[in-house]
Protein backbone atom coordinates (compact mmCIF):
# COMPACT_ATOMS: atom_id res chain seq x y z
CA UNK A 1 73.29 112.11 92.26
CA UNK A 2 76.02 114.26 90.64
CA UNK A 3 78.00 112.79 88.06
CA UNK A 4 82.09 113.84 87.72
CA UNK A 5 84.97 112.80 86.99
CA UNK A 6 88.66 113.05 85.81
CA UNK A 7 91.10 111.85 83.16
CA UNK A 8 94.79 111.67 83.81
CA UNK A 9 96.77 112.28 81.06
CA UNK A 10 100.17 110.91 81.09
CA UNK A 11 102.91 109.18 79.69
CA UNK A 12 104.01 105.23 79.52
CA UNK A 13 106.16 104.46 82.45
CA UNK A 14 104.61 107.19 84.55
CA UNK A 15 103.06 105.09 87.19
CA UNK A 16 99.32 106.20 85.49
CA UNK A 17 98.61 101.89 86.49
CA UNK A 18 99.68 102.44 89.90
CA UNK A 19 98.02 105.89 90.42
CA UNK A 20 94.62 104.18 88.98
CA UNK A 21 94.99 101.33 91.45
CA UNK A 22 95.18 103.81 94.54
CA UNK A 23 92.37 105.50 93.55
CA UNK A 24 90.21 102.72 92.54
CA UNK A 25 91.00 100.96 95.93
CA UNK A 26 89.16 104.00 97.71
CA UNK A 27 85.94 102.82 96.06
CA UNK A 28 84.87 106.39 95.77
CA UNK A 29 87.39 107.62 93.65
CA UNK A 30 86.08 105.91 90.42
CA UNK A 31 87.75 103.10 88.48
CA UNK A 32 90.27 104.42 85.80
CA UNK A 33 91.93 103.08 83.12
CA UNK A 34 92.34 103.36 79.80
CA UNK A 35 88.65 102.83 78.43
CA UNK A 36 90.16 103.71 75.10
CA UNK A 37 92.82 100.96 75.27
CA UNK A 38 90.75 98.54 74.07
CA UNK A 39 93.48 95.99 72.54
CA UNK A 40 95.50 96.66 76.54
CA UNK A 41 91.81 95.62 78.35
CA UNK A 42 91.12 92.46 75.78
CA UNK A 43 94.45 90.64 76.39
CA UNK A 44 94.45 91.89 80.49
CA UNK A 45 91.22 90.85 81.64
CA UNK A 46 88.28 91.34 79.28
CA UNK A 47 88.35 89.28 75.40
CA UNK A 48 84.65 90.76 74.50
CA UNK A 49 85.95 94.49 75.40
CA UNK A 50 84.54 96.66 72.32
CA UNK A 51 86.65 98.46 70.09
CA UNK A 52 84.63 101.04 68.50
CA UNK A 53 85.47 104.88 70.51
CA UNK A 54 82.23 105.56 70.52
CA UNK A 55 81.28 102.28 72.49
CA UNK A 56 84.31 102.99 74.56
CA UNK A 57 83.13 106.05 75.50
CA UNK A 58 79.79 105.07 76.93
CA UNK A 59 82.16 102.20 79.30
CA UNK A 60 83.44 105.09 81.47
CA UNK A 61 80.28 106.21 83.02
CA UNK A 62 79.50 102.49 82.83
CA UNK A 63 82.27 100.58 84.17
CA UNK A 64 84.71 103.49 85.28
CA UNK A 65 82.50 105.12 87.68
CA UNK A 66 82.01 104.05 91.45
CA UNK A 67 78.73 104.12 93.46
CA UNK A 68 78.64 107.97 94.32
CA UNK A 69 78.83 109.36 90.65
CA UNK A 70 82.68 109.47 90.06
CA UNK A 71 84.07 108.05 86.91
CA UNK A 72 87.95 107.78 86.12
CA UNK A 73 90.10 107.48 83.03
CA UNK A 74 93.55 108.36 82.09
CA UNK A 75 95.01 108.61 78.83
CA UNK A 76 98.47 108.84 76.38
CA UNK A 77 99.06 111.11 73.25
CA UNK A 78 98.98 108.06 71.07
CA UNK A 79 95.88 107.19 72.80
CA UNK A 80 93.92 110.56 72.04
CA UNK A 81 95.44 110.36 68.67
CA UNK A 82 93.08 107.02 67.90
CA UNK A 83 89.97 108.68 69.00
CA UNK A 84 90.96 111.98 67.37
CA UNK A 85 87.66 113.80 65.87
CA UNK A 86 85.58 112.33 68.81
CA UNK A 87 84.38 114.97 71.48
CA UNK A 88 84.79 112.59 74.12
CA UNK A 89 85.29 115.57 76.58
CA UNK A 90 81.95 116.93 76.01
CA UNK A 91 80.02 113.63 76.84
CA UNK A 92 81.79 113.07 80.15
CA UNK A 93 80.14 115.75 82.84
CA UNK A 94 82.05 117.82 85.18
CA UNK A 95 85.10 116.67 83.71
CA UNK A 96 88.46 117.38 85.53
CA UNK A 97 92.25 117.51 84.00
CA UNK A 98 94.89 116.06 85.93
CA UNK A 99 98.61 115.64 84.19
CA UNK A 100 101.14 113.30 85.66
CA UNK A 101 104.61 113.23 84.55
CA UNK A 102 107.84 111.68 85.46
CA UNK A 103 110.68 114.18 86.58
CA UNK A 104 113.37 111.29 85.90
CA UNK A 105 112.98 111.47 82.29
CA UNK A 106 115.73 109.19 81.68
CA UNK A 107 114.92 106.56 83.92
CA UNK A 108 111.24 106.55 82.37
CA UNK A 109 112.95 105.67 79.15
CA UNK A 110 114.76 103.33 80.55
CA UNK A 111 111.77 101.91 82.02
CA UNK A 112 110.18 102.04 78.85
CA UNK A 113 112.52 100.24 76.23
CA UNK A 114 112.39 97.48 78.99
CA UNK A 115 108.92 97.29 79.11
CA UNK A 116 108.60 97.15 75.44
CA UNK A 117 111.37 94.59 75.02
CA UNK A 118 109.93 92.47 78.17
CA UNK A 119 106.27 92.98 77.22
CA UNK A 120 106.18 93.84 81.08
CA UNK A 121 104.39 96.78 81.49
CA UNK A 122 103.19 95.89 84.89
CA UNK A 123 105.02 94.19 87.83
CA UNK A 124 102.11 91.55 88.47
CA UNK A 125 102.73 90.87 84.68
CA UNK A 126 104.88 87.65 83.12
CA UNK A 127 107.83 88.25 81.59
CA UNK A 128 107.86 87.57 77.52
CA UNK A 129 111.43 88.81 76.65
CA UNK A 130 115.35 89.57 77.82
CA UNK A 131 116.45 93.10 77.88
CA UNK A 132 118.96 94.09 75.49
CA UNK A 133 120.70 97.89 76.61
CA UNK A 134 120.44 100.28 72.85
CA UNK A 135 121.63 103.44 73.52
CA UNK A 136 119.33 104.53 70.20
CA UNK A 137 116.39 103.03 71.52
CA UNK A 138 116.73 105.10 74.76
CA UNK A 139 118.03 108.25 72.89
CA UNK A 140 114.45 107.28 70.67
CA UNK A 141 112.03 106.93 73.91
CA UNK A 142 113.46 110.50 75.39
CA UNK A 143 112.83 112.15 72.52
CA UNK A 144 109.05 111.15 72.11
CA UNK A 145 108.35 111.58 76.01
CA UNK A 146 109.65 115.36 75.28
CA UNK A 147 107.56 115.58 72.40
CA UNK A 148 104.43 114.31 74.16
CA UNK A 149 104.54 116.38 77.02
CA UNK A 150 105.10 119.32 75.07
CA UNK A 151 101.48 118.48 73.12
CA UNK A 152 99.99 118.01 76.48
CA UNK A 153 101.32 121.53 77.09
CA UNK A 154 100.07 122.57 74.24
CA UNK A 155 96.49 121.08 74.03
CA UNK A 156 95.53 122.59 78.22
CA UNK A 157 96.79 125.97 76.99
CA UNK A 158 95.00 126.02 73.59
CA UNK A 159 92.38 125.10 75.62
CA UNK A 160 92.51 127.25 78.43
CA UNK A 161 92.85 124.23 80.69
CA UNK A 162 95.07 124.40 84.26
CA UNK A 163 95.05 120.73 85.16
CA UNK A 164 96.35 119.48 88.77
CA UNK A 165 99.36 118.87 88.27
CA UNK A 166 101.27 115.30 89.51
CA UNK A 167 105.05 114.01 89.67
CA UNK A 168 105.75 110.19 89.63
CA UNK A 169 108.10 111.04 92.02
CA UNK A 170 105.09 112.85 94.52
CA UNK A 171 103.01 109.64 93.75
CA UNK A 172 105.23 107.49 95.18
CA UNK A 173 106.15 109.78 98.57
CA UNK A 174 102.83 110.61 99.18
CA UNK A 175 100.09 108.37 98.16
CA UNK A 176 97.34 109.43 100.32
CA UNK A 177 98.59 112.78 99.99
CA UNK A 178 97.72 112.71 96.13
CA UNK A 179 94.19 110.53 96.71
CA UNK A 180 93.60 113.52 98.56
CA UNK A 181 94.33 116.68 96.32
CA UNK A 182 92.64 114.10 93.93
CA UNK A 183 89.16 114.02 95.86
CA UNK A 184 89.45 117.39 96.04
CA UNK A 185 89.10 118.34 92.30
CA UNK A 186 86.36 116.39 92.25
CA UNK A 187 84.50 118.45 95.09
CA UNK A 188 84.91 115.34 97.16
CA UNK A 189 84.13 115.15 100.94
CA UNK A 190 85.34 113.21 103.87
CA UNK A 191 88.20 110.96 104.20
CA UNK A 192 89.10 108.45 101.04
CA UNK A 193 91.71 106.38 102.63
CA UNK A 194 93.44 104.25 99.95
CA UNK A 195 92.94 100.44 100.75
CA UNK A 196 96.88 98.73 100.34
CA UNK A 197 95.18 95.07 100.20
CA UNK A 198 93.96 96.69 96.41
CA UNK A 199 97.17 97.91 95.20
CA UNK A 200 99.31 95.34 93.81
CA UNK A 201 101.90 96.96 91.52
CA UNK A 202 105.15 97.58 92.64
CA UNK A 203 108.59 99.57 91.16
CA UNK A 204 109.68 97.88 88.52
CA UNK A 205 113.25 99.64 88.58
CA UNK A 206 116.54 97.50 89.77
CA UNK A 207 119.89 96.93 89.46
CA UNK A 208 119.96 96.62 85.74
CA UNK A 209 117.73 100.17 85.33
CA UNK A 210 120.53 101.74 87.40
CA UNK A 211 123.33 99.82 85.28
CA UNK A 212 122.21 101.20 81.67
CA UNK A 213 121.42 105.00 83.16
CA UNK A 214 125.33 104.06 83.98
CA UNK A 215 126.49 103.35 80.64
CA UNK A 216 123.49 106.21 78.47
CA UNK A 217 125.17 108.90 80.46
CA UNK A 218 128.59 107.64 79.93
CA UNK A 219 128.05 107.94 76.23
CA UNK A 220 125.64 110.64 75.67
CA UNK A 221 126.13 113.28 78.72
CA UNK A 222 126.67 116.51 77.23
CA UNK A 223 125.92 119.74 78.30
CA UNK A 224 127.63 121.64 75.92
CA UNK A 225 124.70 121.31 73.44
CA UNK A 226 120.73 122.25 73.79
CA UNK A 227 118.63 119.28 72.16
CA UNK A 228 115.90 120.32 69.53
CA UNK A 229 112.56 117.83 69.16
CA UNK A 230 112.38 115.59 66.28
CA UNK A 231 109.54 116.06 64.02
CA UNK A 232 106.90 113.57 63.53
CA UNK A 233 107.79 112.09 60.32
CA UNK A 234 111.30 111.09 62.48
CA UNK A 235 109.88 109.75 65.62
CA UNK A 236 107.58 107.20 63.50
CA UNK A 237 110.56 106.11 61.51
CA UNK A 238 112.32 105.76 64.71
CA UNK A 239 109.38 103.85 65.92
CA UNK A 240 109.31 101.18 63.44
CA UNK A 241 113.02 101.06 63.77
CA UNK A 242 112.62 100.20 67.00
CA UNK A 243 110.34 97.74 66.57
CA UNK A 244 112.29 95.97 63.52
CA UNK A 245 115.24 95.55 65.88
CA UNK A 246 112.80 93.81 68.54
CA UNK A 247 111.77 91.43 66.06
CA UNK A 248 115.32 90.71 65.36
CA UNK A 249 116.55 90.67 68.71
CA UNK A 250 113.71 88.25 69.99
């Protein structure tokens, strides 16, 4: 049996959890999740999940694989940084690359800020805090996503990788078409239907999201200037300030 698989390179609030559910529901396209996010897996489903990166790597081929030998995983830039120096790509046979992004960056930033405030990262999770609008937090999230997008783009270019490009919007519009494209990417033939009963995640965007969008644009919209990307140090400082604001407001 040929072992082969893929990694979904993405960003927070870009529909990666939904895409992972779609793929896992087929029973033939791996069981993708962020296998290097030990704290997250411990909190959600397995209190004994390993925290050592080299052991987590083993989980990709142990728990992330379906019976036909296809494995799956996803990764954000922050997760990649946590395992810097670990040659995980070389350890995964026949690895294929997928780049998943969200075209509506402002909607993504609003969702990111709300999820961190409510600690509801999936529609199936309970709300643990109240959302509070903040121009600065949304602006900071926009900047982080823009910088992370640049990092993935540079990584692909430096390594000669041309990934399968997907968008949040296209996945939502055509789930089965997306799954079929990934099946072709890893060389699978035949049908791989999505099993809707196993897809439980729903869109979290609501009227409050639209209200925050209007408020942000009323203050920030300016088409006469072109933004500069902040440095890593600036983003780190902004992240610490954002966490401090969350603690103060909670």
